[in-house]
C-alpha atoms as a PDB file:
ATOM      1  CA  MET A   1      22.968   8.288  -9.807  1.00  0.00           C
ATOM      2  CA  LYS A   2      19.621   8.453 -11.618  1.00  0.00           C
ATOM      3  CA  LYS A   3      16.813   6.536  -9.939  1.00  0.00           C
ATOM      4  CA  SER A   4      14.321   4.306 -11.736  1.00  0.00           C
ATOM      5  CA  GLY A   5      11.375   5.901 -13.494  1.00  0.00           C
ATOM      6  CA  TYR A   6       9.030   5.321 -10.549  1.00  0.00           C
ATOM      7  CA  TYR A   7       8.829   7.500  -7.456  1.00  0.00           C
ATOM      8  CA  PRO A   8       7.852   5.343  -4.444  1.00  0.00           C
ATOM      9  CA  ILE A   9       4.763   6.708  -2.719  1.00  0.00           C
ATOM     10  CA  PHE A  10       1.924   5.505  -0.485  1.00  0.00           C
ATOM     11  CA  LEU A  11      -1.491   6.922  -1.436  1.00  0.00           C
ATOM     12  CA  ASN A  12      -4.400   7.501   0.928  1.00  0.00           C
ATOM     13  CA  LEU A  13      -7.334   5.949  -0.952  1.00  0.00           C
ATOM     14  CA  GLN A  14      -9.901   6.220   1.842  1.00  0.00           C
ATOM     15  CA  GLY A  15     -13.161   7.220   0.197  1.00  0.00           C
ATOM     16  CA  LYS A  16     -11.465   8.133  -3.093  1.00  0.00           C
ATOM     17  CA  LYS A  17     -13.030   7.118  -6.394  1.00  0.00           C
ATOM     18  CA  CYS A  18     -10.970   4.444  -8.136  1.00  0.00           C
ATOM     19  CA  VAL A  19     -12.126   3.008 -11.448  1.00  0.00           C
ATOM     20  CA  VAL A  20     -11.261  -0.463 -12.695  1.00  0.00           C
ATOM     21  CA  ILE A  21     -12.094  -1.188 -16.309  1.00  0.00           C
ATOM     22  CA  GLY A  22     -12.477  -4.923 -16.812  1.00  0.00           C
ATOM     23  CA  GLY A  23     -14.669  -7.693 -15.487  1.00  0.00           C
ATOM     24  CA  GLY A  24     -12.422 -10.740 -15.181  1.00  0.00           C
ATOM     25  CA  GLU A  25     -10.209 -12.337 -12.551  1.00  0.00           C
ATOM     26  CA  VAL A  26      -7.442  -9.771 -12.978  1.00  0.00           C
ATOM     27  CA  ALA A  27      -9.890  -6.934 -12.381  1.00  0.00           C
ATOM     28  CA  LEU A  28     -11.232  -8.817  -9.358  1.00  0.00           C
ATOM     29  CA  ARG A  29      -7.785  -9.018  -7.769  1.00  0.00           C
ATOM     30  CA  LYS A  30      -7.183  -5.316  -8.314  1.00  0.00           C
ATOM     31  CA  ILE A  31     -10.594  -4.423  -6.899  1.00  0.00           C
ATOM     32  CA  ASN A  32     -10.144  -6.548  -3.785  1.00  0.00           C
ATOM     33  CA  THR A  33      -6.858  -4.808  -3.028  1.00  0.00           C
ATOM     34  CA  LEU A  34      -8.403  -1.363  -3.511  1.00  0.00           C
ATOM     35  CA  LEU A  35     -11.243  -2.284  -1.163  1.00  0.00           C
ATOM     36  CA  GLU A  36      -8.750  -3.367   1.493  1.00  0.00           C
ATOM     37  CA  TYR A  37      -7.441   0.200   1.509  1.00  0.00           C
ATOM     38  CA  GLY A  38     -10.841   1.850   1.749  1.00  0.00           C
ATOM     39  CA  ALA A  39     -11.251   3.022  -1.842  1.00  0.00           C
ATOM     40  CA  SER A  40     -14.637   3.809  -3.366  1.00  0.00           C
ATOM     41  CA  VAL A  41     -14.462   1.436  -6.324  1.00  0.00           C
ATOM     42  CA  GLU A  42     -16.366   1.567  -9.584  1.00  0.00           C
ATOM     43  CA  THR A  43     -15.911  -0.985 -12.322  1.00  0.00           C
ATOM     44  CA  VAL A  44     -16.881  -0.905 -15.981  1.00  0.00           C
ATOM     45  CA  SER A  45     -17.263  -3.885 -18.309  1.00  0.00           C
ATOM     46  CA  PRO A  46     -19.827  -5.434 -20.680  1.00  0.00           C
ATOM     47  CA  SER A  47     -19.739  -8.542 -18.453  1.00  0.00           C
ATOM     48  CA  PHE A  48     -18.399  -9.574 -15.038  1.00  0.00           C
ATOM     49  CA  CYS A  49     -17.067 -12.743 -13.479  1.00  0.00           C
ATOM     50  CA  PRO A  50     -19.309 -14.309 -10.780  1.00  0.00           C
ATOM     51  CA  ASP A  51     -17.263 -12.991  -7.851  1.00  0.00           C
ATOM     52  CA  LEU A  52     -17.491  -9.416  -9.154  1.00  0.00           C
ATOM     53  CA  VAL A  53     -21.238  -9.797  -9.593  1.00  0.00           C
ATOM     54  CA  LYS A  54     -21.426 -11.001  -5.986  1.00  0.00           C
ATOM     55  CA  ILE A  55     -19.526  -8.101  -4.409  1.00  0.00           C
ATOM     56  CA  ALA A  56     -21.484  -5.626  -6.520  1.00  0.00           C
ATOM     57  CA  LYS A  57     -24.771  -7.093  -5.231  1.00  0.00           C
ATOM     58  CA  GLU A  58     -23.369  -6.797  -1.702  1.00  0.00           C
ATOM     59  CA  GLY A  59     -22.897  -3.072  -2.305  1.00  0.00           C
ATOM     60  CA  LYS A  60     -19.133  -3.147  -1.922  1.00  0.00           C
ATOM     61  CA  ILE A  61     -18.568  -1.654  -5.392  1.00  0.00           C
ATOM     62  CA  LYS A  62     -20.522   0.125  -8.109  1.00  0.00           C
ATOM     63  CA  SER A  63     -20.595  -1.823 -11.346  1.00  0.00           C
ATOM     64  CA  HIS A  64     -21.533  -0.452 -14.760  1.00  0.00           C
ATOM     65  CA  THR A  65     -22.451  -3.169 -17.271  1.00  0.00           C
ATOM     66  CA  LYS A  66     -21.455  -1.429 -20.484  1.00  0.00           C
ATOM     67  CA  SER A  67     -18.548  -0.642 -22.756  1.00  0.00           C
ATOM     68  CA  TYR A  68     -15.977   1.859 -21.535  1.00  0.00           C
ATOM     69  CA  ASN A  69     -16.051   5.554 -22.430  1.00  0.00           C
ATOM     70  CA  SER A  70     -13.947   8.447 -21.190  1.00  0.00           C
ATOM     71  CA  GLN A  71     -16.725   9.789 -18.916  1.00  0.00           C
ATOM     72  CA  ASP A  72     -16.233   6.744 -16.711  1.00  0.00           C
ATOM     73  CA  LEU A  73     -13.025   8.321 -15.424  1.00  0.00           C
ATOM     74  CA  LYS A  74     -14.662  11.563 -14.260  1.00  0.00           C
ATOM     75  CA  GLY A  75     -13.735  12.377 -10.658  1.00  0.00           C
ATOM     76  CA  ALA A  76     -11.393   9.410 -10.262  1.00  0.00           C
ATOM     77  CA  LEU A  77      -8.068   9.589  -8.452  1.00  0.00           C
ATOM     78  CA  ILE A  78      -6.719   6.474 -10.145  1.00  0.00           C
ATOM     79  CA  ALA A  79      -7.816   4.125 -12.893  1.00  0.00           C
ATOM     80  CA  ILE A  80      -6.747   0.584 -13.657  1.00  0.00           C
ATOM     81  CA  ALA A  81      -7.140  -0.820 -17.170  1.00  0.00           C
ATOM     82  CA  ALA A  82      -7.588  -4.579 -16.851  1.00  0.00           C
ATOM     83  CA  THR A  83      -9.372  -5.543 -20.043  1.00  0.00           C
ATOM     84  CA  ASP A  84      -8.147  -8.221 -22.447  1.00  0.00           C
ATOM     85  CA  ASN A  85      -8.217  -5.745 -25.359  1.00  0.00           C
ATOM     86  CA  VAL A  86      -4.909  -3.985 -26.052  1.00  0.00           C
ATOM     87  CA  LYS A  87      -6.478  -1.123 -27.998  1.00  0.00           C
ATOM     88  CA  THR A  88      -9.042  -0.462 -25.269  1.00  0.00           C
ATOM     89  CA  ASN A  89      -6.332  -0.390 -22.622  1.00  0.00           C
ATOM     90  CA  GLN A  90      -4.297   2.065 -24.685  1.00  0.00           C
ATOM     91  CA  ARG A  91      -7.354   4.284 -25.144  1.00  0.00           C
ATOM     92  CA  ILE A  92      -8.029   4.256 -21.391  1.00  0.00           C
ATOM     93  CA  SER A  93      -4.410   5.279 -20.797  1.00  0.00           C
ATOM     94  CA  ILE A  94      -4.701   8.224 -23.207  1.00  0.00           C
ATOM     95  CA  ASP A  95      -8.029   9.357 -21.715  1.00  0.00           C
ATOM     96  CA  ALA A  96      -6.731   9.128 -18.159  1.00  0.00           C
ATOM     97  CA  LYS A  97      -3.662  11.231 -18.883  1.00  0.00           C
ATOM     98  CA  LYS A  98      -5.784  13.866 -20.629  1.00  0.00           C
ATOM     99  CA  ASN A  99      -8.014  14.085 -17.558  1.00  0.00           C
ATOM    100  CA  GLY A 100      -5.289  14.059 -14.910  1.00  0.00           C
ATOM    101  CA  VAL A 101      -6.187  10.598 -13.633  1.00  0.00           C
ATOM    102  CA  LEU A 102      -3.326   8.347 -12.566  1.00  0.00           C
ATOM    103  CA  ILE A 103      -3.427   5.235 -14.729  1.00  0.00           C
ATOM    104  CA  ASN A 104      -2.157   1.689 -14.408  1.00  0.00           C
ATOM    105  CA  VAL A 105      -2.451  -0.591 -17.410  1.00  0.00           C
ATOM    106  CA  VAL A 106      -2.017  -4.139 -16.139  1.00  0.00           C
ATOM    107  CA  ASP A 107       1.281  -5.663 -17.311  1.00  0.00           C
ATOM    108  CA  LYS A 108       2.020  -2.623 -19.528  1.00  0.00           C
ATOM    109  CA  PRO A 109       4.225  -0.205 -17.571  1.00  0.00           C
ATOM    110  CA  GLN A 110       4.951   1.773 -20.743  1.00  0.00           C
ATOM    111  CA  TYR A 111       1.316   2.958 -20.754  1.00  0.00           C
ATOM    112  CA  SER A 112       1.130   3.484 -16.990  1.00  0.00           C
ATOM    113  CA  ASP A 113       1.708   6.404 -14.615  1.00  0.00           C
ATOM    114  CA  PHE A 114       2.223   3.959 -11.782  1.00  0.00           C
ATOM    115  CA  ILE A 115       2.770   0.270 -11.218  1.00  0.00           C
ATOM    116  CA  VAL A 116       1.449  -1.759  -8.306  1.00  0.00           C
ATOM    117  CA  PRO A 117       4.301  -3.256  -6.269  1.00  0.00           C
ATOM    118  CA  SER A 118       4.325  -6.582  -4.537  1.00  0.00           C
ATOM    119  CA  SER A 119       3.628  -5.751  -0.906  1.00  0.00           C
ATOM    120  CA  LEU A 120       3.302  -7.256   2.542  1.00  0.00           C
ATOM    121  CA  THR A 121       1.604  -5.937   5.654  1.00  0.00           C
ATOM    122  CA  ARG A 122       2.334  -6.484   9.314  1.00  0.00           C
ATOM    123  CA  GLY A 123      -0.113  -4.335  11.253  1.00  0.00           C
ATOM    124  CA  ASP A 124       0.837  -0.747  10.416  1.00  0.00           C
ATOM    125  CA  ILE A 125       4.002  -1.821   8.615  1.00  0.00           C
ATOM    126  CA  ASN A 126       3.593  -1.897   4.854  1.00  0.00           C
ATOM    127  CA  ILE A 127       6.571  -2.931   2.722  1.00  0.00           C
ATOM    128  CA  ALA A 128       6.421  -2.587  -1.053  1.00  0.00           C
ATOM    129  CA  VAL A 129       8.842  -4.283  -3.438  1.00  0.00           C
ATOM    130  CA  SER A 130       9.214  -3.258  -7.069  1.00  0.00           C
ATOM    131  CA  THR A 131      11.567  -4.034  -9.949  1.00  0.00           C
ATOM    132  CA  SER A 132      10.185  -1.067 -11.936  1.00  0.00           C
ATOM    133  CA  GLY A 133       8.046  -3.485 -13.888  1.00  0.00           C
ATOM    134  CA  LYS A 134      10.988  -5.499 -15.211  1.00  0.00           C
ATOM    135  CA  SER A 135      10.355  -8.667 -13.220  1.00  0.00           C
ATOM    136  CA  PRO A 136       7.145  -8.970 -11.170  1.00  0.00           C
ATOM    137  CA  ALA A 137       8.116 -12.582 -10.392  1.00  0.00           C
ATOM    138  CA  LEU A 138      11.322 -11.428  -8.685  1.00  0.00           C
ATOM    139  CA  ALA A 139       9.430  -8.774  -6.729  1.00  0.00           C
ATOM    140  CA  ARG A 140       7.012 -11.447  -5.473  1.00  0.00           C
ATOM    141  CA  LYS A 141       9.910 -13.719  -4.503  1.00  0.00           C
ATOM    142  CA  ILE A 142      11.626 -10.960  -2.507  1.00  0.00           C
ATOM    143  CA  ARG A 143       8.329 -10.153  -0.805  1.00  0.00           C
ATOM    144  CA  SER A 144       7.820 -13.819   0.051  1.00  0.00           C
ATOM    145  CA  ASP A 145      11.272 -14.022   1.632  1.00  0.00           C
ATOM    146  CA  LEU A 146      10.556 -10.872   3.667  1.00  0.00           C
ATOM    147  CA  GLU A 147       7.264 -12.356   4.862  1.00  0.00           C
ATOM    148  CA  ASN A 148       9.198 -15.243   6.385  1.00  0.00           C
ATOM    149  CA  GLN A 149      11.537 -12.834   8.164  1.00  0.00           C
ATOM    150  CA  LEU A 150       8.960 -10.406   9.560  1.00  0.00           C
ATOM    151  CA  GLY A 151       6.681 -11.956  12.154  1.00  0.00           C
ATOM    152  CA  ASP A 152       3.908 -10.529  14.319  1.00  0.00           C
ATOM    153  CA  GLU A 153       6.516  -9.184  16.728  1.00  0.00           C
ATOM    154  CA  TYR A 154       6.960  -6.247  14.348  1.00  0.00           C
ATOM    155  CA  THR A 155       3.299  -5.334  14.786  1.00  0.00           C
ATOM    156  CA  LYS A 156       3.876  -5.175  18.546  1.00  0.00           C
ATOM    157  CA  LEU A 157       7.025  -3.121  18.014  1.00  0.00           C
ATOM    158  CA  VAL A 158       5.193  -0.451  16.028  1.00  0.00           C
ATOM    159  CA  ASP A 159       2.695  -0.020  18.858  1.00  0.00           C
ATOM    160  CA  ILE A 160       5.451   0.219  21.465  1.00  0.00           C
ATOM    161  CA  ILE A 161       7.404   2.808  19.465  1.00  0.00           C
ATOM    162  CA  SER A 162       4.265   4.847  18.796  1.00  0.00           C
ATOM    163  CA  LYS A 163       3.453   4.860  22.510  1.00  0.00           C
ATOM    164  CA  ALA A 164       7.022   5.896  23.342  1.00  0.00           C
ATOM    165  CA  ARG A 165       6.961   8.781  20.828  1.00  0.00           C
ATOM    166  CA  ASN A 166       3.741  10.115  22.345  1.00  0.00           C
ATOM    167  CA  GLN A 167       5.127   9.789  25.856  1.00  0.00           C
ATOM    168  CA  MET A 168       8.268  11.718  24.955  1.00  0.00           C
ATOM    169  CA  ARG A 169       6.125  14.531  23.546  1.00  0.00           C
ATOM    170  CA  LEU A 170       4.097  14.643  26.750  1.00  0.00           C
ATOM    171  CA  GLU A 171       7.291  14.850  28.793  1.00  0.00           C
ATOM    172  CA  GLY A 172       8.737  17.556  26.536  1.00  0.00           C
ATOM    173  CA  ILE A 173      11.683  15.417  25.464  1.00  0.00           C
ATOM    174  CA  THR A 174      13.132  15.878  21.979  1.00  0.00           C
ATOM    175  CA  VAL A 175      14.686  12.780  20.439  1.00  0.00           C
ATOM    176  CA  THR A 176      16.778  13.097  17.279  1.00  0.00           C
ATOM    177  CA  SER A 177      16.656  10.699  14.364  1.00  0.00           C
ATOM    178  CA  GLU A 178      20.165   9.549  15.258  1.00  0.00           C
ATOM    179  CA  ASP A 179      19.103   8.815  18.824  1.00  0.00           C
ATOM    180  CA  TRP A 180      16.177   6.750  17.592  1.00  0.00           C
ATOM    181  CA  GLN A 181      18.567   4.634  15.550  1.00  0.00           C
ATOM    182  CA  LYS A 182      20.590   3.961  18.690  1.00  0.00           C
ATOM    183  CA  VAL A 183      17.476   2.909  20.580  1.00  0.00           C
ATOM    184  CA  LEU A 184      16.064   0.633  17.891  1.00  0.00           C
ATOM    185  CA  ASN A 185      18.070  -2.536  18.346  1.00  0.00           C
ATOM    186  CA  LEU A 186      15.768  -4.683  16.261  1.00  0.00           C
ATOM    187  CA  ASN A 187      17.481  -8.003  16.883  1.00  0.00           C
ATOM    188  CA  SER A 188      17.173  -7.873  20.665  1.00  0.00           C
ATOM    189  CA  MET A 189      13.752  -6.215  20.614  1.00  0.00           C
ATOM    190  CA  THR A 190      12.136  -8.721  18.290  1.00  0.00           C
ATOM    191  CA  ARG A 191      13.722 -11.608  20.173  1.00  0.00           C
ATOM    192  CA  LEU A 192      12.166 -10.410  23.437  1.00  0.00           C
ATOM    193  CA  LEU A 193       8.800  -9.781  21.765  1.00  0.00           C
ATOM    194  CA  ARG A 194       8.756 -13.325  20.426  1.00  0.00           C
ATOM    195  CA  GLN A 195       9.161 -14.371  24.068  1.00  0.00           C
ATOM    196  CA  HIS A 196       6.147 -12.173  24.948  1.00  0.00           C
ATOM    197  CA  LYS A 197       8.299  -9.792  26.992  1.00  0.00           C
ATOM    198  CA  ASP A 198       6.483  -6.742  25.654  1.00  0.00           C
ATOM    199  CA  GLN A 199       6.703  -4.728  28.855  1.00  0.00           C
ATOM    200  CA  GLU A 200      10.436  -5.306  29.129  1.00  0.00           C
ATOM    201  CA  VAL A 201      10.933  -3.893  25.640  1.00  0.00           C
ATOM    202  CA  GLU A 202       8.685  -0.911  26.343  1.00  0.00           C
ATOM    203  CA  ASN A 203      10.503  -0.092  29.578  1.00  0.00           C
ATOM    204  CA  ALA A 204      13.893  -0.304  27.883  1.00  0.00           C
ATOM    205  CA  VAL A 205      12.789   1.994  25.048  1.00  0.00           C
ATOM    206  CA  MET A 206      11.429   4.611  27.449  1.00  0.00           C
ATOM    207  CA  ARG A 207      14.561   4.477  29.607  1.00  0.00           C
ATOM    208  CA  LYS A 208      16.929   4.928  26.658  1.00  0.00           C
ATOM    209  CA  LEU A 209      14.895   7.743  25.145  1.00  0.00           C
ATOM    210  CA  ARG A 210      14.873   9.672  28.425  1.00  0.00           C
ATOM    211  CA  ARG A 211      18.630   9.235  28.682  1.00  0.00           C
ATOM    212  CA  LEU A 212      19.423  10.256  25.098  1.00  0.00           C
ATOM    213  CA  GLY A 213      16.727  12.912  24.516  1.00  0.00           C
ATOM    214  CA  GLN A 214      16.886  16.605  25.294  1.00  0.00           C
ATOM    215  CA  LYS A 215      14.433  18.015  27.821  1.00  0.00           C
ATOM    216  CA  LYS A 216      12.852  21.270  26.697  1.00  0.00           C
ATOM    217  CA  PRO A 217      13.646  24.147  29.067  1.00  0.00           C
END
């Protein structure tokens, strides 16, 4: 069965140049998200909304008060076209593809290399929901429903599992993917974590892993 046209991937944007062309509220939302993930953001527009002016003055982004040209994309990993001019957005898309820069044209997946999914974060858990650009409203609704289902107990669970993985390595115990699935009884684990029985969950995980895993000779 052929998948949708988008390959799901999580990018490391720490310190990477990301360019947002546009100076309005849409550009602001895109920039704030990029900053959350540690990107080095530059924005280009003849004018900027007050909030963008503010974060530029605070040194959080580099702003260039001018019209766009293709040199603005030099050295960028990704670019986001968020202007209100269709022809400008199309030109940015063409320039980006010529220069090997991944491009997202807001609300125009046909001109984009990638689309930005609706996502939620619980500690180190990051869940992205996409409808391949066909219905952003549905993606947001699914994400909202997931937010109600996934509480802070999942943040605790990630830390417990990470600690258990490291401990098994120290003890020279190999645990298969299938064994992990047997250990991860999410219903009972999250129920106990909501009751603040973190240590009980951790002890149970360690005990099961030692029983199921294979000790290196």
